[in-house]
Amino acid sequence: MKALVVITGRGMGGDAVNALNIIRALEKKGVNCEIALDTNAPGLLFKNNDYKWHKVPVPQAGGHAATKSATIKAGFKTIKAAFQTRNLIKKLNVDVVVGIIGGGAVIGCVAAKLARVPAVGIIDTPTDTKVCTRLNTCIVLPEAQLFRSDIIPKNLHKSFFPLTPGLTKGDKDNALKKIKETINESVKGKNNENSKENYEEIIFDENKPSILFSSGSSLFEMMAKGIANATDPKLSDLAERYNILLVGVPLEDSYLDLINHKKFINLGYINWIRDLYELIDFAVLTDDGVMIQEAMACELPAIALTRVKYGRYHNMAGIFPGAVIESELKNLNEKIEETIVNLNEIKSKTKKYSKEVLSAGDNVAEIIIKESKNK
C-alpha cells in the first residue's frame, strides 16, 4: 500500500512534526509513504530524518490567523496547485492521499478528488474544516472548534495529535548533563563577564524542583513576558525556590530584552525535550495542542498560557480538565503558586489522559488504511 502525504508549511516544525508522526505510524503498519512539500519549503525536519520529498505548490491562508483576503488569495492559487498534485498522485499511483492541516489538507483532498483516489484530511483550522469535510473522510484535531462539538458529520473522526514515538522514554541524567553544558557555554560566551560570580548566578540546583517555560519552536513575546514576571524578584520569589528553565528561540531578538537577566536557564532550541520532561516538575506551555498533549503523555502537570500565538485561544484546559490549568499573563504567577500547592492532585489527573493520547498515532493510521480500501 502506498500513501501520498501533502504537508503545509516549511517542513521544519509544527505541521511537519504532525505529518512525520503520522508517516511513522503508517510505516509501522507497512504503508509506503511518499511526501509532498511546498516548492519553497526547506524541509529540514524531513532531511534530518533521511526522508526525500516531492515539490508541489501548497498555498497557505494563515491557519487560525487567516484573514478573509488571505483566504481568497490562497483560494485562487489552490486550483493550479490541486491539478499539479493530481498529476503527482497519478504518477506515483498511490492508494490514498493524506492532507496535513491548512493548505496541505485542502490541496491533498481536492487533488485526490480530481484523481479519484481516496483521501483523509487532517484538519485543524477554519478553512480546512470548511473545505475538506465536504470532500473526504477527515480527522479533526483538538485545536479545531469542531473537536468540541457533540454532533459531527459521519465522515469525521476526532483524534488527539499523533506524538513522537518514545516520547515517554526520556533520560533524566542526560537532561542534567545537557543543562550543565548549556550553563558552561553561557559563561564562556560572556567576554568581559567571565567570572566565578557570574557562573554561580546561573547554577542549576538539583535539590530544587524545576519549572519549564516553553512555546515550542518560536518564543513569542507574551511567553517572554510570562517568564519575565515569574522571575522578577519584585513580583515573585519563584526563581529562589525553583530552577526556571526556558526552551524556545525568539521570533524577534527584542524579546530577549524582556528576559535578559540571570534568574533562569535559557536552553534555546533543543532536541532532547523528552529527557527534559523526565526532569521537570511541571511546565508552563503555549495553549496549543501538541505541547499540551506531550505533557499529558508524560503525566506532567501543565499551565496553558493563553493567547500567546497571535491572540489565538484553544481552550486546552477544557479538553484536559483538572490536568491542565489555564492562565492569562496577568495572573500567571498566581496560577503557578496554585499549581505548586495542588501539584500531586493535578499530576494524578494527567494519568487519565496519558494512554489515550499515546494511542493517537495508531488510531489515525488505522483510519487512513481503512479509507484506502474504499476505492
Protein backbone atom coordinates (compact mmCIF):
# COMPACT_ATOMS: atom_id res chain seq x y z
CA MET A 1 0.00 0.00 0.00
CA LYS A 2 1.24 3.50 -0.83
CA ALA A 3 0.18 6.87 0.59
CA LEU A 4 0.99 10.42 -0.52
CA VAL A 5 1.23 12.84 2.40
CA VAL A 6 0.76 16.52 1.42
CA ILE A 7 2.10 18.92 4.05
CA THR A 8 1.61 22.62 4.77
CA GLY A 9 4.44 24.94 5.71
CA ARG A 10 8.20 24.88 5.55
CA GLY A 11 8.78 21.30 6.66
CA MET A 12 10.63 22.37 9.79
CA GLY A 13 8.22 22.12 12.73
CA GLY A 14 4.56 22.42 13.67
CA ASP A 15 2.54 20.78 10.89
CA ALA A 16 5.64 18.93 9.69
CA VAL A 17 6.02 17.28 13.10
CA ASN A 18 2.40 16.11 12.95
CA ALA A 19 2.99 14.78 9.44
CA LEU A 20 6.18 12.96 10.39
CA ASN A 21 4.46 11.28 13.33
CA ILE A 22 1.60 10.13 11.07
CA ILE A 23 4.11 8.86 8.49
CA ARG A 24 5.93 6.87 11.16
CA ALA A 25 2.64 5.40 12.41
CA LEU A 26 1.72 4.37 8.83
CA GLU A 27 5.17 2.91 8.15
CA LYS A 28 4.91 0.85 11.33
CA LYS A 29 1.83 -0.75 9.77
CA GLY A 30 3.60 -1.47 6.47
CA VAL A 31 2.48 1.55 4.44
CA ASN A 32 4.95 3.07 1.98
CA CYS A 33 4.75 6.87 2.28
CA GLU A 34 5.60 9.49 -0.33
CA ILE A 35 5.92 13.10 0.87
CA ALA A 36 4.92 16.34 -0.87
CA LEU A 37 6.05 19.74 0.43
CA ASP A 38 5.62 23.24 -0.90
CA THR A 39 8.00 24.14 -3.70
CA ASN A 40 9.88 26.61 -1.49
CA ALA A 41 9.94 24.52 1.70
CA PRO A 42 13.46 23.77 3.02
CA GLY A 43 12.11 20.58 4.62
CA LEU A 44 14.82 20.40 7.29
CA LEU A 45 12.83 18.11 9.58
CA PHE A 46 12.47 15.52 6.83
CA LYS A 47 16.04 15.98 5.61
CA ASN A 48 17.35 15.42 9.14
CA ASN A 49 15.30 12.22 9.34
CA ASP A 50 16.52 10.92 5.95
CA TYR A 51 13.27 11.47 4.05
CA LYS A 52 13.09 12.78 0.48
CA TRP A 53 10.09 14.68 -0.85
CA HIS A 54 8.29 15.86 -3.98
CA LYS A 55 7.73 19.57 -4.64
CA VAL A 56 4.25 20.92 -5.32
CA PRO A 57 2.66 24.31 -4.60
CA VAL A 58 0.94 24.30 -1.19
CA PRO A 59 -0.55 27.80 -0.70
CA GLN A 60 -1.39 28.92 2.83
CA ALA A 61 -4.01 31.33 4.08
CA GLY A 62 -2.53 31.73 7.55
CA GLY A 63 -4.16 28.90 9.53
CA HIS A 64 -6.10 30.02 12.61
CA ALA A 65 -5.00 33.60 11.97
CA ALA A 66 -6.15 33.64 8.32
CA THR A 67 -7.78 36.85 7.14
CA LYS A 68 -10.56 36.97 4.57
CA SER A 69 -8.28 38.50 1.92
CA ALA A 70 -5.51 35.96 2.56
CA THR A 71 -8.02 33.12 2.26
CA ILE A 72 -9.30 34.47 -1.09
CA LYS A 73 -5.75 34.81 -2.46
CA ALA A 74 -4.87 31.28 -1.35
CA GLY A 75 -8.08 30.04 -2.96
CA PHE A 76 -7.06 31.28 -6.40
CA LYS A 77 -3.70 29.53 -6.08
CA THR A 78 -5.34 26.32 -4.91
CA ILE A 79 -6.84 25.38 -8.29
CA LYS A 80 -3.48 25.27 -10.08
CA ALA A 81 -1.82 23.58 -7.11
CA ALA A 82 -4.53 20.91 -6.95
CA PHE A 83 -4.06 19.96 -10.62
CA GLN A 84 -0.29 19.70 -10.19
CA THR A 85 -0.78 17.50 -7.14
CA ARG A 86 -3.33 15.38 -9.05
CA ASN A 87 -0.64 14.71 -11.67
CA LEU A 88 1.74 13.63 -8.90
CA ILE A 89 -0.90 11.29 -7.46
CA LYS A 90 -1.34 9.60 -10.82
CA LYS A 91 2.41 9.43 -11.46
CA LEU A 92 3.07 7.75 -8.10
CA ASN A 93 -0.02 5.53 -8.35
CA VAL A 94 -0.88 5.91 -4.67
CA ASP A 95 -3.74 4.19 -2.86
CA VAL A 96 -4.62 7.08 -0.55
CA VAL A 97 -3.78 10.76 -0.07
CA VAL A 98 -3.30 12.31 3.37
CA GLY A 99 -3.59 16.11 3.54
CA ILE A 100 -2.00 17.62 6.62
CA ILE A 101 -3.65 20.74 8.08
CA GLY A 102 -4.48 24.02 6.34
CA GLY A 103 -3.23 24.24 2.76
CA GLY A 104 -1.84 20.71 2.84
CA ALA A 105 -5.25 19.31 3.78
CA VAL A 106 -7.11 21.37 1.18
CA ILE A 107 -4.69 20.64 -1.69
CA GLY A 108 -4.47 16.95 -0.78
CA CYS A 109 -8.24 16.48 -0.56
CA VAL A 110 -9.08 18.46 -3.72
CA ALA A 111 -6.32 16.78 -5.76
CA ALA A 112 -7.39 13.33 -4.58
CA LYS A 113 -10.96 14.08 -5.65
CA LEU A 114 -9.72 15.10 -9.10
CA ALA A 115 -7.61 11.94 -9.32
CA ARG A 116 -10.47 9.76 -7.98
CA VAL A 117 -8.32 8.41 -5.17
CA PRO A 118 -9.44 8.07 -1.51
CA ALA A 119 -8.17 10.76 0.84
CA VAL A 120 -8.11 11.67 4.51
CA GLY A 121 -7.87 15.29 5.56
CA ILE A 122 -6.15 16.02 8.86
CA ILE A 123 -7.96 19.24 9.77
CA ASP A 124 -7.34 21.85 12.42
CA THR A 125 -8.23 25.31 11.01
CA PRO A 126 -11.49 27.01 9.95
CA THR A 127 -10.59 26.85 6.23
CA ASP A 128 -9.60 23.18 6.03
CA THR A 129 -12.62 22.26 8.13
CA LYS A 130 -14.98 24.08 5.77
CA VAL A 131 -13.48 22.60 2.58
CA CYS A 132 -12.28 19.11 3.43
CA THR A 133 -15.33 17.88 5.34
CA ARG A 134 -17.33 18.33 2.10
CA LEU A 135 -14.94 16.18 0.07
CA ASN A 136 -13.46 13.31 2.06
CA THR A 137 -13.13 11.46 5.31
CA CYS A 138 -11.48 13.80 7.82
CA ILE A 139 -9.76 13.60 11.19
CA VAL A 140 -10.27 16.70 13.33
CA LEU A 141 -7.57 17.70 15.83
CA PRO A 142 -8.09 19.35 19.24
CA GLU A 143 -7.38 22.95 18.23
CA ALA A 144 -10.38 22.97 15.86
CA GLN A 145 -13.70 24.17 17.22
CA LEU A 146 -15.42 21.11 15.73
CA PHE A 147 -13.41 18.86 18.07
CA ARG A 148 -15.55 20.08 20.96
CA SER A 149 -18.84 19.51 19.20
CA ASP A 150 -21.01 16.57 20.26
CA ILE A 151 -22.68 16.40 16.85
CA ILE A 152 -20.26 15.82 13.96
CA PRO A 153 -20.66 14.63 10.34
CA LYS A 154 -20.49 10.88 9.64
CA ASN A 155 -17.28 11.29 7.62
CA LEU A 156 -15.47 12.91 10.55
CA HIS A 157 -13.32 11.35 13.26
CA LYS A 158 -11.85 13.03 16.32
CA SER A 159 -8.26 12.42 17.34
CA PHE A 160 -5.54 13.83 19.52
CA PHE A 161 -2.31 14.83 17.79
CA PRO A 162 -0.09 11.82 16.94
CA LEU A 163 3.01 12.12 19.11
CA THR A 164 6.66 11.29 18.56
CA PRO A 165 7.42 7.60 19.30
CA GLY A 166 9.38 7.07 22.50
CA LEU A 167 8.32 10.43 23.95
CA THR A 168 7.85 8.96 27.42
CA LYS A 169 11.24 7.22 27.48
CA GLY A 170 13.42 10.16 28.44
CA ASP A 171 16.77 10.14 30.25
CA LYS A 172 16.84 12.41 33.30
CA ASP A 173 20.63 12.10 33.66
CA ASN A 174 21.14 13.25 30.07
CA ALA A 175 18.95 16.30 30.72
CA LEU A 176 21.11 17.22 33.73
CA LYS A 177 24.25 16.81 31.61
CA LYS A 178 22.87 19.00 28.81
CA ILE A 179 21.75 21.72 31.23
CA LYS A 180 25.21 21.90 32.79
CA GLU A 181 26.78 22.05 29.32
CA THR A 182 24.48 24.95 28.42
CA ILE A 183 25.43 26.82 31.58
CA ASN A 184 29.14 26.33 30.90
CA GLU A 185 28.77 27.55 27.32
CA SER A 186 26.80 30.56 28.51
CA VAL A 187 29.54 31.55 30.95
CA LYS A 188 32.29 31.10 28.33
CA GLY A 189 30.42 33.40 25.97
CA LYS A 190 30.37 36.34 28.38
CA ASN A 191 33.56 38.05 27.18
CA ASN A 192 34.44 40.50 29.98
CA GLU A 193 31.99 38.97 32.46
CA ASN A 194 33.59 35.51 32.61
CA SER A 195 33.90 35.32 36.39
CA LYS A 196 33.16 32.83 39.13
CA GLU A 197 30.45 35.16 40.42
CA ASN A 198 28.56 35.04 37.13
CA TYR A 199 28.94 31.26 36.91
CA GLU A 200 27.41 30.76 40.34
CA GLU A 201 24.47 33.00 39.50
CA ILE A 202 23.45 30.68 36.61
CA ILE A 203 23.52 27.47 38.60
CA PHE A 204 21.13 24.51 38.39
CA ASP A 205 20.32 23.23 41.89
CA GLU A 206 19.47 19.52 41.78
CA ASN A 207 17.86 19.82 45.22
CA LYS A 208 15.23 22.23 43.92
CA PRO A 209 12.16 21.34 41.86
CA SER A 210 12.10 22.66 38.28
CA ILE A 211 9.62 24.56 36.10
CA LEU A 212 9.82 24.59 32.31
CA PHE A 213 8.62 27.54 30.21
CA SER A 214 8.25 26.69 26.52
CA SER A 215 6.46 27.97 23.44
CA GLY A 216 7.82 25.33 21.12
CA SER A 217 9.87 26.28 18.09
CA SER A 218 9.39 30.04 18.47
CA LEU A 219 9.45 32.09 21.64
CA PHE A 220 6.60 34.56 21.37
CA GLU A 221 6.51 37.93 23.12
CA MET A 222 3.83 37.00 25.63
CA MET A 223 5.71 33.88 26.76
CA ALA A 224 8.81 36.07 27.23
CA LYS A 225 6.73 38.42 29.37
CA GLY A 226 5.44 35.43 31.33
CA ILE A 227 8.89 34.22 32.31
CA ALA A 228 9.99 37.81 32.99
CA ASN A 229 7.15 38.21 35.51
CA ALA A 230 7.77 34.82 37.10
CA THR A 231 11.48 35.56 37.65
CA ASP A 232 11.20 39.20 38.70
CA PRO A 233 12.16 39.34 42.42
CA LYS A 234 9.86 42.36 42.83
CA LEU A 235 6.89 40.21 41.81
CA SER A 236 7.80 36.69 42.92
CA ASP A 237 10.41 34.57 44.69
CA LEU A 238 9.80 31.60 42.35
CA ALA A 239 13.35 31.82 40.97
CA GLU A 240 14.69 31.36 44.51
CA ARG A 241 12.58 28.26 45.18
CA TYR A 242 12.65 26.64 41.72
CA ASN A 243 15.01 26.04 38.83
CA ILE A 244 13.42 28.03 36.00
CA LEU A 245 14.15 26.65 32.51
CA LEU A 246 13.27 28.18 29.16
CA VAL A 247 13.03 26.38 25.81
CA GLY A 248 12.41 28.23 22.54
CA VAL A 249 14.00 30.58 20.04
CA PRO A 250 12.60 34.13 19.84
CA LEU A 251 10.86 35.34 16.71
CA GLU A 252 12.31 38.80 17.47
CA ASP A 253 15.65 39.48 19.15
CA SER A 254 13.96 42.27 21.07
CA TYR A 255 12.06 39.67 23.09
CA LEU A 256 15.35 38.72 24.73
CA ASP A 257 15.47 42.20 26.26
CA LEU A 258 12.47 41.20 28.35
CA ILE A 259 14.33 38.27 29.88
CA ASN A 260 17.95 39.44 29.84
CA HIS A 261 18.93 38.53 33.39
CA LYS A 262 20.35 35.54 35.24
CA LYS A 263 17.37 34.22 37.19
CA PHE A 264 16.65 31.40 34.75
CA ILE A 265 18.46 29.00 32.39
CA ASN A 266 17.87 29.67 28.69
CA LEU A 267 18.25 26.37 26.82
CA GLY A 268 17.25 27.76 23.41
CA TYR A 269 16.30 25.19 20.76
CA ILE A 270 16.88 21.61 21.94
CA ASN A 271 16.37 18.11 20.50
CA TRP A 272 16.29 16.38 23.91
CA ILE A 273 12.90 17.59 25.12
CA ARG A 274 11.86 14.05 26.15
CA ASP A 275 14.82 13.95 28.56
CA LEU A 276 13.83 17.33 29.98
CA TYR A 277 10.27 16.12 30.57
CA GLU A 278 11.71 13.45 32.89
CA LEU A 279 13.47 16.08 34.97
CA ILE A 280 10.95 18.90 35.44
CA ASP A 281 8.05 19.01 37.89
CA PHE A 282 5.59 20.94 35.73
CA ALA A 283 5.52 23.13 32.63
CA VAL A 284 4.15 26.49 31.53
CA LEU A 285 3.27 25.99 27.86
CA THR A 286 1.60 27.69 24.94
CA ASP A 287 -2.13 26.98 24.78
CA ASP A 288 -1.81 24.69 21.76
CA GLY A 289 -2.48 21.03 21.16
CA VAL A 290 0.82 19.24 20.59
CA MET A 291 2.79 20.63 23.52
CA ILE A 292 -0.06 20.17 25.98
CA GLN A 293 -0.56 16.60 24.72
CA GLU A 294 3.12 15.82 25.17
CA ALA A 295 2.80 16.92 28.78
CA MET A 296 -0.25 14.69 29.26
CA ALA A 297 1.55 11.72 27.66
CA CYS A 298 4.39 12.17 30.16
CA GLU A 299 1.91 12.60 33.04
CA LEU A 300 3.25 16.11 33.55
CA PRO A 301 1.05 18.86 35.03
CA ALA A 302 0.83 21.90 32.77
CA ILE A 303 -0.26 25.52 32.82
CA ALA A 304 -1.60 26.68 29.47
CA LEU A 305 -0.71 30.34 28.95
CA THR A 306 -3.49 31.62 26.72
CA ARG A 307 -3.38 33.81 23.61
CA VAL A 308 0.39 33.56 23.21
CA LYS A 309 0.29 32.93 19.46
CA TYR A 310 -1.31 35.92 17.71
CA GLY A 311 -4.15 36.02 20.21
CA ARG A 312 -5.38 32.52 19.38
CA TYR A 313 -7.35 30.69 22.07
CA HIS A 314 -7.72 26.89 22.00
CA ASN A 315 -9.13 26.01 25.43
CA MET A 316 -6.80 23.08 26.07
CA ALA A 317 -7.80 23.20 29.73
CA GLY A 318 -11.33 22.34 28.61
CA ILE A 319 -10.07 19.23 26.81
CA PHE A 320 -7.97 18.08 29.78
CA PRO A 321 -9.93 19.31 32.81
CA GLY A 322 -8.08 19.07 36.08
CA ALA A 323 -4.76 18.19 34.43
CA VAL A 324 -4.21 21.46 32.55
CA ILE A 325 -4.56 24.78 34.35
CA GLU A 326 -5.42 27.78 32.19
CA SER A 327 -3.89 31.19 32.83
CA GLU A 328 -3.72 34.65 31.32
CA LEU A 329 -0.47 36.61 31.53
CA LYS A 330 -1.75 38.96 34.22
CA ASN A 331 -2.41 36.16 36.73
CA LEU A 332 0.30 33.65 35.70
CA ASN A 333 2.35 33.93 38.92
CA GLU A 334 -0.78 33.33 40.98
CA LYS A 335 -1.67 30.24 38.90
CA ILE A 336 1.87 28.89 39.26
CA GLU A 337 1.61 29.16 43.05
CA GLU A 338 -1.79 27.40 42.98
CA THR A 339 -0.33 24.63 40.81
CA ILE A 340 2.56 24.13 43.24
CA VAL A 341 0.13 23.71 46.14
CA ASN A 342 -2.05 21.20 44.22
CA LEU A 343 0.71 19.50 42.21
CA ASN A 344 0.09 15.92 43.35
CA GLU A 345 -3.65 16.14 42.71
CA ILE A 346 -3.10 17.64 39.25
CA LYS A 347 -0.50 15.00 38.39
CA SER A 348 -2.95 12.24 39.28
CA LYS A 349 -5.41 13.71 36.74
CA THR A 350 -2.83 13.52 33.94
CA LYS A 351 -2.74 9.72 34.24
CA LYS A 352 -6.34 9.66 33.00
CA TYR A 353 -5.32 11.08 29.61
CA SER A 354 -1.88 9.58 29.03
CA LYS A 355 -2.91 6.27 27.47
CA GLU A 356 -5.46 7.83 25.09
CA VAL A 357 -3.02 10.50 23.93
CA LEU A 358 -0.25 7.98 23.28
CA SER A 359 -2.52 5.78 21.14
CA ALA A 360 -3.47 8.63 18.76
CA GLY A 361 -0.86 7.78 16.09
CA ASP A 362 -2.02 4.19 15.73
CA ASN A 363 -5.67 5.26 15.60
CA VAL A 364 -5.02 7.81 12.85
CA ALA A 365 -3.06 5.24 10.82
CA GLU A 366 -5.92 2.73 11.07
CA ILE A 367 -8.45 5.29 9.79
CA ILE A 368 -6.21 6.11 6.82
CA ILE A 369 -5.63 2.44 5.97
CA LYS A 370 -9.35 1.72 6.17
CA GLU A 371 -10.12 4.67 3.87
CA SER A 372 -7.56 3.47 1.31
CA LYS A 373 -9.68 0.37 0.72
CA ASN A 374 -12.72 2.44 -0.30
CA LYS A 375 -11.76 2.64 -4.00
